[in-house]
Amino acid sequence: MSEPQSAVPETAQTNTATASGPGLAGRGYRKVREGLVVSDKMDKTIVVEVEDRVKHGLYGKVIRRTSKLKAHDEQQVAGIGDRVQIMETRPLSATKRWRLVEVLEKAK
């Protein structure tokens, strides 16, 4: 007897790309932020200040809101004043839920 053929072509079965990018099968959408490093005193951790511009609901004025996020820096490459890109990840500690993706611009 011959083996039953699947309805889905073989090329479609081996494709593991998702909406979040190629090779990231099983991962959901992860937030990516860009900000400025304000502290690197902790071991393998940086504090990144991220700016968010929000329009006021009633008056319409654009307001600058900043938040400080702790991010994991495994190689300790980021320093104070660097512009970095960080990505959301699983909780690494009580307050750390972000990791360093790359240093976009070193401080002068």
PDB file of N, CA and C in Angstrom:
ATOM      1  N   MET A   1       0.834  -1.183   0.000  1.00  0.00           N
ATOM      2  CA  MET A   1       0.000   0.000   0.000  1.00  0.00           C
ATOM      3  C   MET A   1       0.872   1.237   0.000  1.00  0.00           C
ATOM      4  N   SER A   2       0.374   2.257  -0.611  1.00  0.00           N
ATOM      5  CA  SER A   2       1.133   3.505  -0.641  1.00  0.00           C
ATOM      6  C   SER A   2       0.758   4.360   0.565  1.00  0.00           C
ATOM      7  N   GLU A   3       1.686   5.229   0.953  1.00  0.00           N
ATOM      8  CA  GLU A   3       1.447   6.116   2.098  1.00  0.00           C
ATOM      9  C   GLU A   3       0.507   7.242   1.689  1.00  0.00           C
ATOM     10  N   PRO A   4      -0.382   7.677   2.583  1.00  0.00           N
ATOM     11  CA  PRO A   4      -1.314   8.765   2.232  1.00  0.00           C
ATOM     12  C   PRO A   4      -0.571  10.089   2.062  1.00  0.00           C
ATOM     13  N   GLN A   5      -0.988  10.840   1.071  1.00  0.00           N
ATOM     14  CA  GLN A   5      -0.397  12.144   0.797  1.00  0.00           C
ATOM     15  C   GLN A   5      -1.070  13.187   1.680  1.00  0.00           C
ATOM     16  N   SER A   6      -0.265  14.119   2.220  1.00  0.00           N
ATOM     17  CA  SER A   6      -0.861  15.191   3.017  1.00  0.00           C
ATOM     18  C   SER A   6      -1.395  16.271   2.088  1.00  0.00           C
ATOM     19  N   ALA A   7      -2.388  16.987   2.541  1.00  0.00           N
ATOM     20  CA  ALA A   7      -3.024  18.023   1.730  1.00  0.00           C
ATOM     21  C   ALA A   7      -2.149  19.264   1.616  1.00  0.00           C
ATOM     22  N   VAL A   8      -1.216  19.439   2.555  1.00  0.00           N
ATOM     23  CA  VAL A   8      -0.360  20.620   2.568  1.00  0.00           C
ATOM     24  C   VAL A   8       0.949  20.282   1.864  1.00  0.00           C
ATOM     25  N   PRO A   9       1.399  21.125   0.917  1.00  0.00           N
ATOM     26  CA  PRO A   9       2.675  20.863   0.255  1.00  0.00           C
ATOM     27  C   PRO A   9       3.826  20.830   1.259  1.00  0.00           C
ATOM     28  N   GLU A  10       4.870  20.071   0.924  1.00  0.00           N
ATOM     29  CA  GLU A  10       6.007  19.898   1.829  1.00  0.00           C
ATOM     30  C   GLU A  10       6.720  21.213   2.116  1.00  0.00           C
ATOM     31  N   THR A  11       6.783  22.110   1.132  1.00  0.00           N
ATOM     32  CA  THR A  11       7.463  23.389   1.346  1.00  0.00           C
ATOM     33  C   THR A  11       6.751  24.232   2.385  1.00  0.00           C
ATOM     34  N   ALA A  12       5.430  24.142   2.446  1.00  0.00           N
ATOM     35  CA  ALA A  12       4.679  24.915   3.433  1.00  0.00           C
ATOM     36  C   ALA A  12       4.867  24.347   4.837  1.00  0.00           C
ATOM     37  N   GLN A  13       5.102  23.037   4.955  1.00  0.00           N
ATOM     38  CA  GLN A  13       5.277  22.420   6.259  1.00  0.00           C
ATOM     39  C   GLN A  13       6.613  22.797   6.884  1.00  0.00           C
ATOM     40  N   THR A  14       7.645  22.983   6.085  1.00  0.00           N
ATOM     41  CA  THR A  14       8.975  23.264   6.617  1.00  0.00           C
ATOM     42  C   THR A  14       9.218  24.745   6.870  1.00  0.00           C
ATOM     43  N   ASN A  15       8.323  25.607   6.414  1.00  0.00           N
ATOM     44  CA  ASN A  15       8.485  27.042   6.614  1.00  0.00           C
ATOM     45  C   ASN A  15       8.167  27.382   8.071  1.00  0.00           C
ATOM     46  N   THR A  16       9.156  27.925   8.799  1.00  0.00           N
ATOM     47  CA  THR A  16       8.966  28.230  10.217  1.00  0.00           C
ATOM     48  C   THR A  16       8.849  29.722  10.476  1.00  0.00           C
ATOM     49  N   ALA A  17       8.796  30.534   9.437  1.00  0.00           N
ATOM     50  CA  ALA A  17       8.699  31.984   9.624  1.00  0.00           C
ATOM     51  C   ALA A  17       7.307  32.351  10.119  1.00  0.00           C
ATOM     52  N   THR A  18       7.258  33.346  11.008  1.00  0.00           N
ATOM     53  CA  THR A  18       5.990  33.849  11.522  1.00  0.00           C
ATOM     54  C   THR A  18       5.898  35.330  11.231  1.00  0.00           C
ATOM     55  N   ALA A  19       4.840  35.952  11.721  1.00  0.00           N
ATOM     56  CA  ALA A  19       4.639  37.385  11.505  1.00  0.00           C
ATOM     57  C   ALA A  19       5.709  38.211  12.200  1.00  0.00           C
ATOM     58  N   SER A  20       6.347  37.646  13.231  1.00  0.00           N
ATOM     59  CA  SER A  20       7.350  38.412  13.967  1.00  0.00           C
ATOM     60  C   SER A  20       8.735  38.313  13.340  1.00  0.00           C
ATOM     61  N   GLY A  21       8.878  37.534  12.265  1.00  0.00           N
ATOM     62  CA  GLY A  21      10.154  37.495  11.571  1.00  0.00           C
ATOM     63  C   GLY A  21      10.573  36.086  11.242  1.00  0.00           C
ATOM     64  N   PRO A  22      11.542  35.937  10.330  1.00  0.00           N
ATOM     65  CA  PRO A  22      11.987  34.608   9.944  1.00  0.00           C
ATOM     66  C   PRO A  22      12.780  33.939  11.063  1.00  0.00           C
ATOM     67  N   GLY A  23      12.554  32.647  11.235  1.00  0.00           N
ATOM     68  CA  GLY A  23      13.309  31.885  12.223  1.00  0.00           C
ATOM     69  C   GLY A  23      12.850  32.078  13.654  1.00  0.00           C
ATOM     70  N   LEU A  24      11.750  32.778  13.872  1.00  0.00           N
ATOM     71  CA  LEU A  24      11.269  33.027  15.228  1.00  0.00           C
ATOM     72  C   LEU A  24       9.961  32.273  15.466  1.00  0.00           C
ATOM     73  N   ALA A  25       9.900  31.040  15.016  1.00  0.00           N
ATOM     74  CA  ALA A  25       8.675  30.247  15.145  1.00  0.00           C
ATOM     75  C   ALA A  25       8.328  30.041  16.609  1.00  0.00           C
ATOM     76  N   GLY A  26       7.050  30.211  16.934  1.00  0.00           N
ATOM     77  CA  GLY A  26       6.598  29.999  18.296  1.00  0.00           C
ATOM     78  C   GLY A  26       6.654  31.243  19.158  1.00  0.00           C
ATOM     79  N   ARG A  27       7.369  32.260  18.738  1.00  0.00           N
ATOM     80  CA  ARG A  27       7.456  33.497  19.514  1.00  0.00           C
ATOM     81  C   ARG A  27       6.324  34.418  19.116  1.00  0.00           C
ATOM     82  N   GLY A  28       5.802  35.123  20.089  1.00  0.00           N
ATOM     83  CA  GLY A  28       4.789  36.125  19.807  1.00  0.00           C
ATOM     84  C   GLY A  28       5.447  37.441  19.440  1.00  0.00           C
ATOM     85  N   TYR A  29       4.638  38.456  19.277  1.00  0.00           N
ATOM     86  CA  TYR A  29       5.155  39.783  18.968  1.00  0.00           C
ATOM     87  C   TYR A  29       5.891  40.338  20.180  1.00  0.00           C
ATOM     88  N   ARG A  30       7.086  40.876  19.976  1.00  0.00           N
ATOM     89  CA  ARG A  30       7.873  41.439  21.068  1.00  0.00           C
ATOM     90  C   ARG A  30       8.077  42.924  20.828  1.00  0.00           C
ATOM     91  N   LYS A  31       7.856  43.721  21.870  1.00  0.00           N
ATOM     92  CA  LYS A  31       8.023  45.162  21.751  1.00  0.00           C
ATOM     93  C   LYS A  31       9.499  45.500  21.608  1.00  0.00           C
ATOM     94  N   VAL A  32       9.785  46.482  20.770  1.00  0.00           N
ATOM     95  CA  VAL A  32      11.150  46.979  20.583  1.00  0.00           C
ATOM     96  C   VAL A  32      11.126  48.468  20.866  1.00  0.00           C
ATOM     97  N   ARG A  33      12.041  48.939  21.691  1.00  0.00           N
ATOM     98  CA  ARG A  33      12.116  50.351  22.055  1.00  0.00           C
ATOM     99  C   ARG A  33      13.535  50.859  21.819  1.00  0.00           C
ATOM    100  N   GLU A  34      13.638  52.175  21.641  1.00  0.00           N
ATOM    101  CA  GLU A  34      14.924  52.838  21.468  1.00  0.00           C
ATOM    102  C   GLU A  34      15.037  53.891  22.555  1.00  0.00           C
ATOM    103  N   GLY A  35      16.201  53.964  23.197  1.00  0.00           N
ATOM    104  CA  GLY A  35      16.354  54.922  24.281  1.00  0.00           C
ATOM    105  C   GLY A  35      17.800  55.222  24.598  1.00  0.00           C
ATOM    106  N   LEU A  36      17.997  55.992  25.661  1.00  0.00           N
ATOM    107  CA  LEU A  36      19.310  56.463  26.082  1.00  0.00           C
ATOM    108  C   LEU A  36      19.689  55.791  27.398  1.00  0.00           C
ATOM    109  N   VAL A  37      20.918  55.277  27.475  1.00  0.00           N
ATOM    110  CA  VAL A  37      21.385  54.628  28.699  1.00  0.00           C
ATOM    111  C   VAL A  37      21.697  55.710  29.730  1.00  0.00           C
ATOM    112  N   VAL A  38      21.083  55.612  30.917  1.00  0.00           N
ATOM    113  CA  VAL A  38      21.315  56.591  31.974  1.00  0.00           C
ATOM    114  C   VAL A  38      22.112  55.996  33.130  1.00  0.00           C
ATOM    115  N   SER A  39      22.234  54.655  33.189  1.00  0.00           N
ATOM    116  CA  SER A  39      23.014  54.021  34.248  1.00  0.00           C
ATOM    117  C   SER A  39      23.519  52.665  33.775  1.00  0.00           C
ATOM    118  N   ASP A  40      24.783  52.366  34.135  1.00  0.00           N
ATOM    119  CA  ASP A  40      25.350  51.044  33.842  1.00  0.00           C
ATOM    120  C   ASP A  40      26.111  50.501  35.051  1.00  0.00           C
ATOM    121  N   LYS A  41      25.729  50.934  36.248  1.00  0.00           N
ATOM    122  CA  LYS A  41      26.459  50.568  37.463  1.00  0.00           C
ATOM    123  C   LYS A  41      26.181  49.146  37.929  1.00  0.00           C
ATOM    124  N   MET A  42      25.049  48.585  37.537  1.00  0.00           N
ATOM    125  CA  MET A  42      24.714  47.225  37.956  1.00  0.00           C
ATOM    126  C   MET A  42      25.418  46.208  37.063  1.00  0.00           C
ATOM    127  N   ASP A  43      25.631  45.018  37.588  1.00  0.00           N
ATOM    128  CA  ASP A  43      26.306  43.960  36.845  1.00  0.00           C
ATOM    129  C   ASP A  43      25.365  43.388  35.784  1.00  0.00           C
ATOM    130  N   LYS A  44      25.758  43.487  34.508  1.00  0.00           N
ATOM    131  CA  LYS A  44      25.006  42.980  33.363  1.00  0.00           C
ATOM    132  C   LYS A  44      23.615  43.600  33.233  1.00  0.00           C
ATOM    133  N   THR A  45      23.433  44.790  33.766  1.00  0.00           N
ATOM    134  CA  THR A  45      22.144  45.484  33.684  1.00  0.00           C
ATOM    135  C   THR A  45      22.374  46.951  33.358  1.00  0.00           C
ATOM    136  N   ILE A  46      21.555  47.486  32.464  1.00  0.00           N
ATOM    137  CA  ILE A  46      21.588  48.914  32.156  1.00  0.00           C
ATOM    138  C   ILE A  46      20.193  49.483  32.402  1.00  0.00           C
ATOM    139  N   VAL A  47      20.139  50.780  32.691  1.00  0.00           N
ATOM    140  CA  VAL A  47      18.862  51.475  32.827  1.00  0.00           C
ATOM    141  C   VAL A  47      18.725  52.371  31.601  1.00  0.00           C
ATOM    142  N   VAL A  48      17.647  52.172  30.857  1.00  0.00           N
ATOM    143  CA  VAL A  48      17.422  52.891  29.605  1.00  0.00           C
ATOM    144  C   VAL A  48      16.218  53.804  29.777  1.00  0.00           C
ATOM    145  N   GLU A  49      16.401  55.078  29.426  1.00  0.00           N
ATOM    146  CA  GLU A  49      15.315  56.049  29.482  1.00  0.00           C
ATOM    147  C   GLU A  49      14.659  56.107  28.101  1.00  0.00           C
ATOM    148  N   VAL A  50      13.373  55.780  28.062  1.00  0.00           N
ATOM    149  CA  VAL A  50      12.622  55.729  26.811  1.00  0.00           C
ATOM    150  C   VAL A  50      11.606  56.861  26.803  1.00  0.00           C
ATOM    151  N   GLU A  51      11.573  57.621  25.712  1.00  0.00           N
ATOM    152  CA  GLU A  51      10.641  58.738  25.587  1.00  0.00           C
ATOM    153  C   GLU A  51       9.440  58.317  24.760  1.00  0.00           C
ATOM    154  N   ASP A  52       8.257  58.697  25.224  1.00  0.00           N
ATOM    155  CA  ASP A  52       7.016  58.405  24.525  1.00  0.00           C
ATOM    156  C   ASP A  52       6.241  59.706  24.381  1.00  0.00           C
ATOM    157  N   ARG A  53       5.803  60.004  23.180  1.00  0.00           N
ATOM    158  CA  ARG A  53       5.029  61.225  22.945  1.00  0.00           C
ATOM    159  C   ARG A  53       3.553  60.861  22.876  1.00  0.00           C
ATOM    160  N   VAL A  54       2.752  61.507  23.740  1.00  0.00           N
ATOM    161  CA  VAL A  54       1.332  61.207  23.848  1.00  0.00           C
ATOM    162  C   VAL A  54       0.540  62.495  23.658  1.00  0.00           C
ATOM    163  N   LYS A  55      -0.524  62.404  22.903  1.00  0.00           N
ATOM    164  CA  LYS A  55      -1.388  63.562  22.698  1.00  0.00           C
ATOM    165  C   LYS A  55      -2.397  63.628  23.840  1.00  0.00           C
ATOM    166  N   HIS A  56      -2.538  64.802  24.447  1.00  0.00           N
ATOM    167  CA  HIS A  56      -3.487  64.988  25.544  1.00  0.00           C
ATOM    168  C   HIS A  56      -4.905  64.792  25.012  1.00  0.00           C
ATOM    169  N   GLY A  57      -5.702  64.046  25.755  1.00  0.00           N
ATOM    170  CA  GLY A  57      -7.039  63.698  25.288  1.00  0.00           C
ATOM    171  C   GLY A  57      -7.960  64.877  25.076  1.00  0.00           C
ATOM    172  N   LEU A  58      -7.942  65.853  25.970  1.00  0.00           N
ATOM    173  CA  LEU A  58      -8.868  66.980  25.893  1.00  0.00           C
ATOM    174  C   LEU A  58      -8.286  68.153  25.117  1.00  0.00           C
ATOM    175  N   TYR A  59      -7.043  68.515  25.417  1.00  0.00           N
ATOM    176  CA  TYR A  59      -6.461  69.731  24.849  1.00  0.00           C
ATOM    177  C   TYR A  59      -5.635  69.498  23.591  1.00  0.00           C
ATOM    178  N   GLY A  60      -5.230  68.285  23.326  1.00  0.00           N
ATOM    179  CA  GLY A  60      -4.527  67.988  22.086  1.00  0.00           C
ATOM    180  C   GLY A  60      -3.051  68.297  22.081  1.00  0.00           C
ATOM    181  N   LYS A  61      -2.514  68.813  23.185  1.00  0.00           N
ATOM    182  CA  LYS A  61      -1.087  69.119  23.237  1.00  0.00           C
ATOM    183  C   LYS A  61      -0.286  67.820  23.308  1.00  0.00           C
ATOM    184  N   VAL A  62       0.831  67.771  22.582  1.00  0.00           N
ATOM    185  CA  VAL A  62       1.697  66.597  22.607  1.00  0.00           C
ATOM    186  C   VAL A  62       2.588  66.681  23.842  1.00  0.00           C
ATOM    187  N   ILE A  63       2.519  65.660  24.677  1.00  0.00           N
ATOM    188  CA  ILE A  63       3.261  65.625  25.939  1.00  0.00           C
ATOM    189  C   ILE A  63       4.364  64.581  25.834  1.00  0.00           C
ATOM    190  N   ARG A  64       5.554  64.928  26.314  1.00  0.00           N
ATOM    191  CA  ARG A  64       6.674  63.979  26.353  1.00  0.00           C
ATOM    192  C   ARG A  64       6.643  63.237  27.681  1.00  0.00           C
ATOM    193  N   ARG A  65       6.514  61.921  27.616  1.00  0.00           N
ATOM    194  CA  ARG A  65       6.559  61.093  28.821  1.00  0.00           C
ATOM    195  C   ARG A  65       7.791  60.209  28.737  1.00  0.00           C
ATOM    196  N   THR A  66       8.530  60.112  29.834  1.00  0.00           N
ATOM    197  CA  THR A  66       9.704  59.247  29.853  1.00  0.00           C
ATOM    198  C   THR A  66       9.512  58.157  30.892  1.00  0.00           C
ATOM    199  N   SER A  67      10.053  56.995  30.584  1.00  0.00           N
ATOM    200  CA  SER A  67      10.038  55.893  31.541  1.00  0.00           C
ATOM    201  C   SER A  67      11.417  55.249  31.543  1.00  0.00           C
ATOM    202  N   LYS A  68      11.819  54.744  32.696  1.00  0.00           N
ATOM    203  CA  LYS A  68      13.116  54.091  32.832  1.00  0.00           C
ATOM    204  C   LYS A  68      12.897  52.587  32.892  1.00  0.00           C
ATOM    205  N   LEU A  69      13.564  51.870  31.994  1.00  0.00           N
ATOM    206  CA  LEU A  69      13.435  50.425  31.909  1.00  0.00           C
ATOM    207  C   LEU A  69      14.787  49.778  32.181  1.00  0.00           C
ATOM    208  N   LYS A  70      14.790  48.710  32.963  1.00  0.00           N
ATOM    209  CA  LYS A  70      16.022  47.952  33.198  1.00  0.00           C
ATOM    210  C   LYS A  70      16.143  46.894  32.111  1.00  0.00           C
ATOM    211  N   ALA A  71      17.331  46.807  31.508  1.00  0.00           N
ATOM    212  CA  ALA A  71      17.560  45.871  30.412  1.00  0.00           C
ATOM    213  C   ALA A  71      18.806  45.041  30.682  1.00  0.00           C
ATOM    214  N   HIS A  72      18.794  43.794  30.200  1.00  0.00           N
ATOM    215  CA  HIS A  72      19.911  42.873  30.387  1.00  0.00           C
ATOM    216  C   HIS A  72      20.971  43.140  29.321  1.00  0.00           C
ATOM    217  N   ASP A  73      22.214  43.334  29.755  1.00  0.00           N
ATOM    218  CA  ASP A  73      23.354  43.586  28.865  1.00  0.00           C
ATOM    219  C   ASP A  73      24.414  42.532  29.173  1.00  0.00           C
ATOM    220  N   GLU A  74      24.333  41.385  28.502  1.00  0.00           N
ATOM    221  CA  GLU A  74      25.182  40.228  28.808  1.00  0.00           C
ATOM    222  C   GLU A  74      26.671  40.538  28.660  1.00  0.00           C
ATOM    223  N   GLN A  75      27.072  41.183  27.554  1.00  0.00           N
ATOM    224  CA  GLN A  75      28.496  41.469  27.318  1.00  0.00           C
ATOM    225  C   GLN A  75      28.954  42.782  27.938  1.00  0.00           C
ATOM    226  N   GLN A  76      28.061  43.528  28.541  1.00  0.00           N
ATOM    227  CA  GLN A  76      28.360  44.813  29.168  1.00  0.00           C
ATOM    228  C   GLN A  76      29.041  45.767  28.186  1.00  0.00           C
ATOM    229  N   VAL A  77      28.426  45.928  27.016  1.00  0.00           N
ATOM    230  CA  VAL A  77      28.987  46.784  25.974  1.00  0.00           C
ATOM    231  C   VAL A  77      28.426  48.197  26.007  1.00  0.00           C
ATOM    232  N   ALA A  78      27.253  48.396  26.592  1.00  0.00           N
ATOM    233  CA  ALA A  78      26.621  49.716  26.611  1.00  0.00           C
ATOM    234  C   ALA A  78      27.139  50.542  27.778  1.00  0.00           C
ATOM    235  N   GLY A  79      27.317  51.833  27.535  1.00  0.00           N
ATOM    236  CA  GLY A  79      27.762  52.762  28.565  1.00  0.00           C
ATOM    237  C   GLY A  79      26.801  53.932  28.675  1.00  0.00           C
ATOM    238  N   ILE A  80      27.016  54.767  29.672  1.00  0.00           N
ATOM    239  CA  ILE A  80      26.148  55.922  29.892  1.00  0.00           C
ATOM    240  C   ILE A  80      26.207  56.846  28.678  1.00  0.00           C
ATOM    241  N   GLY A  81      25.037  57.284  28.217  1.00  0.00           N
ATOM    242  CA  GLY A  81      24.955  58.196  27.080  1.00  0.00           C
ATOM    243  C   GLY A  81      24.785  57.510  25.739  1.00  0.00           C
ATOM    244  N   ASP A  82      24.897  56.184  25.687  1.00  0.00           N
ATOM    245  CA  ASP A  82      24.729  55.457  24.426  1.00  0.00           C
ATOM    246  C   ASP A  82      23.258  55.398  24.041  1.00  0.00           C
ATOM    247  N   ARG A  83      22.985  55.477  22.729  1.00  0.00           N
ATOM    248  CA  ARG A  83      21.633  55.258  22.223  1.00  0.00           C
ATOM    249  C   ARG A  83      21.547  53.775  21.869  1.00  0.00           C
ATOM    250  N   VAL A  84      20.561  53.076  22.462  1.00  0.00           N
ATOM    251  CA  VAL A  84      20.466  51.625  22.307  1.00  0.00           C
ATOM    252  C   VAL A  84      19.066  51.207  21.868  1.00  0.00           C
ATOM    253  N   GLN A  85      18.992  49.982  21.359  1.00  0.00           N
ATOM    254  CA  GLN A  85      17.717  49.369  21.020  1.00  0.00           C
ATOM    255  C   GLN A  85      17.527  48.185  21.964  1.00  0.00           C
ATOM    256  N   ILE A  86      16.342  48.110  22.603  1.00  0.00           N
ATOM    257  CA  ILE A  86      16.053  47.025  23.531  1.00  0.00           C
ATOM    258  C   ILE A  86      14.786  46.301  23.086  1.00  0.00           C
ATOM    259  N   MET A  87      14.679  45.029  23.494  1.00  0.00           N
ATOM    260  CA  MET A  87      13.540  44.202  23.114  1.00  0.00           C
ATOM    261  C   MET A  87      12.944  43.546  24.350  1.00  0.00           C
ATOM    262  N   GLU A  88      11.637  43.444  24.369  1.00  0.00           N
ATOM    263  CA  GLU A  88      10.937  42.804  25.475  1.00  0.00           C
ATOM    264  C   GLU A  88      11.290  41.316  25.518  1.00  0.00           C
ATOM    265  N   THR A  89      11.412  40.771  26.732  1.00  0.00           N
ATOM    266  CA  THR A  89      11.741  39.360  26.902  1.00  0.00           C
ATOM    267  C   THR A  89      11.038  38.822  28.136  1.00  0.00           C
ATOM    268  N   ARG A  90      11.284  37.576  28.462  1.00  0.00           N
ATOM    269  CA  ARG A  90      10.690  36.989  29.669  1.00  0.00           C
ATOM    270  C   ARG A  90      11.267  37.680  30.895  1.00  0.00           C
ATOM    271  N   PRO A  91      10.598  37.615  32.045  1.00  0.00           N
ATOM    272  CA  PRO A  91      11.151  38.232  33.256  1.00  0.00           C
ATOM    273  C   PRO A  91      12.490  37.611  33.642  1.00  0.00           C
ATOM    274  N   LEU A  92      13.521  38.454  33.754  1.00  0.00           N
ATOM    275  CA  LEU A  92      14.855  37.991  34.128  1.00  0.00           C
ATOM    276  C   LEU A  92      15.127  38.224  35.604  1.00  0.00           C
ATOM    277  N   SER A  93      14.400  39.147  36.215  1.00  0.00           N
ATOM    278  CA  SER A  93      14.498  39.409  37.653  1.00  0.00           C
ATOM    279  C   SER A  93      13.197  40.085  38.075  1.00  0.00           C
ATOM    280  N   ALA A  94      13.177  40.610  39.291  1.00  0.00           N
ATOM    281  CA  ALA A  94      11.958  41.244  39.790  1.00  0.00           C
ATOM    282  C   ALA A  94      11.553  42.463  38.964  1.00  0.00           C
ATOM    283  N   THR A  95      12.531  43.185  38.409  1.00  0.00           N
ATOM    284  CA  THR A  95      12.225  44.413  37.663  1.00  0.00           C
ATOM    285  C   THR A  95      12.750  44.418  36.230  1.00  0.00           C
ATOM    286  N   LYS A  96      13.442  43.373  35.802  1.00  0.00           N
ATOM    287  CA  LYS A  96      14.096  43.365  34.488  1.00  0.00           C
ATOM    288  C   LYS A  96      13.325  42.488  33.505  1.00  0.00           C
ATOM    289  N   ARG A  97      12.743  43.143  32.466  1.00  0.00           N
ATOM    290  CA  ARG A  97      11.974  42.430  31.452  1.00  0.00           C
ATOM    291  C   ARG A  97      12.384  42.807  30.030  1.00  0.00           C
ATOM    292  N   TRP A  98      13.540  43.407  29.863  1.00  0.00           N
ATOM    293  CA  TRP A  98      14.031  43.844  28.563  1.00  0.00           C
ATOM    294  C   TRP A  98      15.460  43.361  28.385  1.00  0.00           C
ATOM    295  N   ARG A  99      15.900  43.227  27.120  1.00  0.00           N
ATOM    296  CA  ARG A  99      17.287  42.862  26.850  1.00  0.00           C
ATOM    297  C   ARG A  99      17.832  43.762  25.748  1.00  0.00           C
ATOM    298  N   LEU A 100      19.134  43.970  25.796  1.00  0.00           N
ATOM    299  CA  LEU A 100      19.807  44.817  24.813  1.00  0.00           C
ATOM    300  C   LEU A 100      19.881  44.087  23.478  1.00  0.00           C
ATOM    301  N   VAL A 101      19.472  44.758  22.396  1.00  0.00           N
ATOM    302  CA  VAL A 101      19.571  44.196  21.057  1.00  0.00           C
ATOM    303  C   VAL A 101      20.853  44.684  20.404  1.00  0.00           C
ATOM    304  N   GLU A 102      21.052  46.021  20.384  1.00  0.00           N
ATOM    305  CA  GLU A 102      22.270  46.578  19.803  1.00  0.00           C
ATOM    306  C   GLU A 102      22.480  48.004  20.287  1.00  0.00           C
ATOM    307  N   VAL A 103      23.741  48.423  20.227  1.00  0.00           N
ATOM    308  CA  VAL A 103      24.092  49.807  20.529  1.00  0.00           C
ATOM    309  C   VAL A 103      24.041  50.557  19.206  1.00  0.00           C
ATOM    310  N   LEU A 104      23.132  51.516  19.095  1.00  0.00           N
ATOM    311  CA  LEU A 104      22.951  52.254  17.845  1.00  0.00           C
ATOM    312  C   LEU A 104      23.988  53.352  17.677  1.00  0.00           C
ATOM    313  N   GLU A 105      24.331  54.027  18.786  1.00  0.00           N
ATOM    314  CA  GLU A 105      25.283  55.142  18.729  1.00  0.00           C
ATOM    315  C   GLU A 105      26.001  55.249  20.067  1.00  0.00           C
ATOM    316  N   LYS A 106      27.323  55.229  20.026  1.00  0.00           N
ATOM    317  CA  LYS A 106      28.113  55.359  21.252  1.00  0.00           C
ATOM    318  C   LYS A 106      28.129  56.817  21.701  1.00  0.00           C
ATOM    319  N   ALA A 107      28.268  57.027  23.011  1.00  0.00           N
ATOM    320  CA  ALA A 107      28.338  58.383  23.566  1.00  0.00           C
ATOM    321  C   ALA A 107      29.637  59.046  23.130  1.00  0.00           C
ATOM    322  N   LYS A 108      29.592  60.353  23.001  1.00  0.00           N
ATOM    323  CA  LYS A 108      30.785  61.087  22.565  1.00  0.00           C
ATOM    324  C   LYS A 108      31.662  61.470  23.721  1.00  0.00           C
TER     325      LYS A 108
END
